[in-house]
């Protein structure tokens, strides 16, 4: 029984250390001026989606505009990245989705991010646990983005973020 308990605590420590390393890596990436272009950002988005969703055996379709003009401000880049990660992490952890569609587009200086899944959905008015939804909304407000969330139990979830760039 002591070995089980030791293993339990070792797993907790490993998970915490991995999480801390990932957060530090995200911060370093976000503050590095060389990452101010959309091409690097979109590449990071592709890689994250494939790594996370394939590891969870969730089918996905990425529709990413290949070129978005202009530079990506450090603060905006960090907030969009954390919003994107949280949306996909929620799909992987909670949705029980079989399919997720990710659309990243820019049209007439409006950046759009859409993440929609065919999972179990939820009633956002009754969500009390965790910080994911609250963090997404807070970050969207910080960058003055329009954010919509459509979810219904049994019918999946659809996030849409729009931002003037």
Protein backbone atom coordinates (compact mmCIF):
# COMPACT_ATOMS: atom_id res chain seq x y z
CA UNK A 1 0.00 0.00 0.00
CA UNK A 2 2.92 2.36 0.70
CA UNK A 3 4.20 1.72 -2.84
CA UNK A 4 0.80 2.71 -4.25
CA UNK A 5 0.82 5.87 -2.19
CA UNK A 6 4.39 6.71 -3.25
CA UNK A 7 3.45 6.19 -6.89
CA UNK A 8 0.38 8.39 -6.49
CA UNK A 9 2.49 11.26 -5.12
CA UNK A 10 5.19 10.73 -7.75
CA UNK A 11 2.52 11.00 -10.45
CA UNK A 12 1.22 14.24 -8.89
CA UNK A 13 4.73 15.70 -8.77
CA UNK A 14 5.43 14.66 -12.36
CA UNK A 15 2.15 16.18 -13.56
CA UNK A 16 2.82 19.44 -11.69
CA UNK A 17 6.37 19.68 -13.03
CA UNK A 18 5.20 19.02 -16.59
CA UNK A 19 2.47 21.64 -16.25
CA UNK A 20 4.94 24.20 -14.85
CA UNK A 21 7.43 23.52 -17.67
CA UNK A 22 4.68 23.96 -20.28
CA UNK A 23 3.60 27.27 -18.75
CA UNK A 24 7.17 28.59 -18.65
CA UNK A 25 7.70 27.53 -22.27
CA UNK A 26 4.51 29.39 -23.27
CA UNK A 27 5.66 32.55 -21.49
CA UNK A 28 9.11 32.45 -23.10
CA UNK A 29 7.54 31.88 -26.53
CA UNK A 30 5.07 34.73 -26.00
CA UNK A 31 7.70 37.32 -25.06
CA UNK A 32 10.20 36.41 -27.79
CA UNK A 33 10.06 39.17 -30.45
CA UNK A 34 10.93 36.75 -33.26
CA UNK A 35 7.51 35.16 -32.76
CA UNK A 36 5.66 38.34 -33.73
CA UNK A 37 4.58 37.02 -37.12
CA UNK A 38 1.42 35.13 -37.91
CA UNK A 39 3.21 32.32 -39.74
CA UNK A 40 4.95 31.13 -36.56
CA UNK A 41 1.78 31.51 -34.54
CA UNK A 42 -0.31 29.51 -37.01
CA UNK A 43 2.35 26.81 -37.18
CA UNK A 44 2.29 26.52 -33.38
CA UNK A 45 -1.52 26.23 -33.50
CA UNK A 46 -1.33 23.39 -36.05
CA UNK A 47 1.27 21.51 -34.03
CA UNK A 48 -0.63 21.86 -30.75
CA UNK A 49 -3.91 20.67 -32.27
CA UNK A 50 -2.32 17.63 -33.88
CA UNK A 51 -0.33 16.65 -30.77
CA UNK A 52 -3.26 17.02 -28.36
CA UNK A 53 -6.12 15.71 -30.43
CA UNK A 54 -4.26 12.77 -31.98
CA UNK A 55 -3.09 11.70 -28.51
CA UNK A 56 -6.75 11.59 -27.44
CA UNK A 57 -7.83 9.90 -30.71
CA UNK A 58 -10.16 12.78 -31.57
CA UNK A 59 -10.64 13.39 -35.29
CA UNK A 60 -10.12 16.97 -36.31
CA UNK A 61 -10.15 19.27 -39.28
CA UNK A 62 -7.98 22.36 -39.40
CA UNK A 63 -8.97 25.20 -41.71
CA UNK A 64 -6.26 27.78 -41.26
CA UNK A 65 -5.71 30.76 -43.52
CA UNK A 66 -2.13 30.45 -44.68
CA UNK A 67 -1.34 34.15 -44.61
CA UNK A 68 -2.52 36.84 -42.28
CA UNK A 69 -0.96 40.23 -42.85
CA UNK A 70 0.65 42.37 -40.21
CA UNK A 71 2.54 41.75 -37.02
CA UNK A 72 1.18 40.07 -33.94
CA UNK A 73 1.52 42.16 -30.78
CA UNK A 74 3.09 40.23 -27.88
CA UNK A 75 0.14 40.67 -25.48
CA UNK A 76 -2.44 39.79 -28.12
CA UNK A 77 -0.38 36.78 -29.22
CA UNK A 78 -0.16 35.46 -25.67
CA UNK A 79 -3.89 35.90 -25.00
CA UNK A 80 -4.97 34.33 -28.29
CA UNK A 81 -2.59 31.43 -27.71
CA UNK A 82 -3.88 30.78 -24.19
CA UNK A 83 -7.50 31.05 -25.36
CA UNK A 84 -6.79 28.59 -28.18
CA UNK A 85 -5.06 26.13 -25.85
CA UNK A 86 -7.87 26.32 -23.30
CA UNK A 87 -10.54 25.73 -25.94
CA UNK A 88 -8.76 22.65 -27.30
CA UNK A 89 -7.87 21.36 -23.85
CA UNK A 90 -11.54 21.58 -22.86
CA UNK A 91 -12.48 19.56 -25.94
CA UNK A 92 -9.88 16.90 -25.10
CA UNK A 93 -10.68 16.69 -21.38
CA UNK A 94 -14.40 17.23 -21.10
CA UNK A 95 -16.34 17.05 -24.36
CA UNK A 96 -16.17 13.35 -25.19
CA UNK A 97 -16.17 14.60 -28.80
CA UNK A 98 -15.34 12.37 -31.73
CA UNK A 99 -14.73 15.31 -34.08
CA UNK A 100 -13.56 18.90 -33.68
CA UNK A 101 -13.30 21.58 -36.35
CA UNK A 102 -10.83 24.42 -35.92
CA UNK A 103 -11.05 27.48 -38.15
CA UNK A 104 -8.51 30.29 -38.03
CA UNK A 105 -9.14 33.01 -40.57
CA UNK A 106 -8.62 36.67 -41.25
CA UNK A 107 -11.00 38.71 -43.34
CA UNK A 108 -10.74 42.48 -43.76
CA UNK A 109 -8.58 42.96 -40.65
CA UNK A 110 -10.83 40.73 -38.51
CA UNK A 111 -9.11 37.68 -37.00
CA UNK A 112 -11.49 34.78 -36.40
CA UNK A 113 -10.99 31.68 -34.29
CA UNK A 114 -13.72 29.04 -34.24
CA UNK A 115 -13.49 25.78 -32.32
CA UNK A 116 -16.52 23.50 -32.56
CA UNK A 117 -17.01 19.91 -31.50
CA UNK A 118 -19.67 17.23 -31.65
CA UNK A 119 -19.28 16.33 -27.98
CA UNK A 120 -21.71 16.17 -25.13
CA UNK A 121 -22.02 19.92 -24.73
CA UNK A 122 -22.94 21.64 -21.47
CA UNK A 123 -25.10 24.32 -19.98
CA UNK A 124 -22.66 27.22 -19.49
CA UNK A 125 -25.00 28.87 -16.98
CA UNK A 126 -24.49 25.95 -14.59
CA UNK A 127 -20.71 25.50 -14.93
CA UNK A 128 -19.16 25.99 -11.52
CA UNK A 129 -15.90 24.01 -11.51
CA UNK A 130 -12.57 24.99 -12.96
CA UNK A 131 -11.27 28.22 -14.38
CA UNK A 132 -11.25 27.41 -18.10
CA UNK A 133 -14.40 29.25 -19.19
CA UNK A 134 -13.68 32.18 -16.90
CA UNK A 135 -10.09 32.45 -18.19
CA UNK A 136 -11.18 32.38 -21.84
CA UNK A 137 -13.71 35.15 -21.23
CA UNK A 138 -11.24 37.22 -19.20
CA UNK A 139 -8.52 36.97 -21.86
CA UNK A 140 -10.97 37.85 -24.64
CA UNK A 141 -12.00 40.96 -22.69
CA UNK A 142 -8.34 41.95 -22.17
CA UNK A 143 -7.76 42.09 -25.95
CA UNK A 144 -11.19 43.59 -26.74
CA UNK A 145 -12.29 40.53 -28.72
CA UNK A 146 -15.88 39.50 -29.34
CA UNK A 147 -16.48 36.04 -27.92
CA UNK A 148 -19.49 33.80 -28.33
CA UNK A 149 -20.12 30.40 -26.80
CA UNK A 150 -22.89 28.14 -28.03
CA UNK A 151 -23.29 24.85 -26.22
CA UNK A 152 -26.18 22.60 -25.50
CA UNK A 153 -26.13 19.34 -23.61
CA UNK A 154 -25.98 16.50 -26.12
CA UNK A 155 -25.19 18.73 -29.11
CA UNK A 156 -21.60 19.87 -28.71
CA UNK A 157 -19.93 23.22 -28.22
CA UNK A 158 -18.96 26.08 -30.53
CA UNK A 159 -16.62 28.91 -29.59
CA UNK A 160 -16.15 31.94 -31.85
CA UNK A 161 -13.64 34.69 -31.18
CA UNK A 162 -13.35 37.78 -33.39
CA UNK A 163 -10.67 40.42 -33.04
CA UNK A 164 -9.70 43.53 -34.99
CA UNK A 165 -6.07 43.17 -36.05
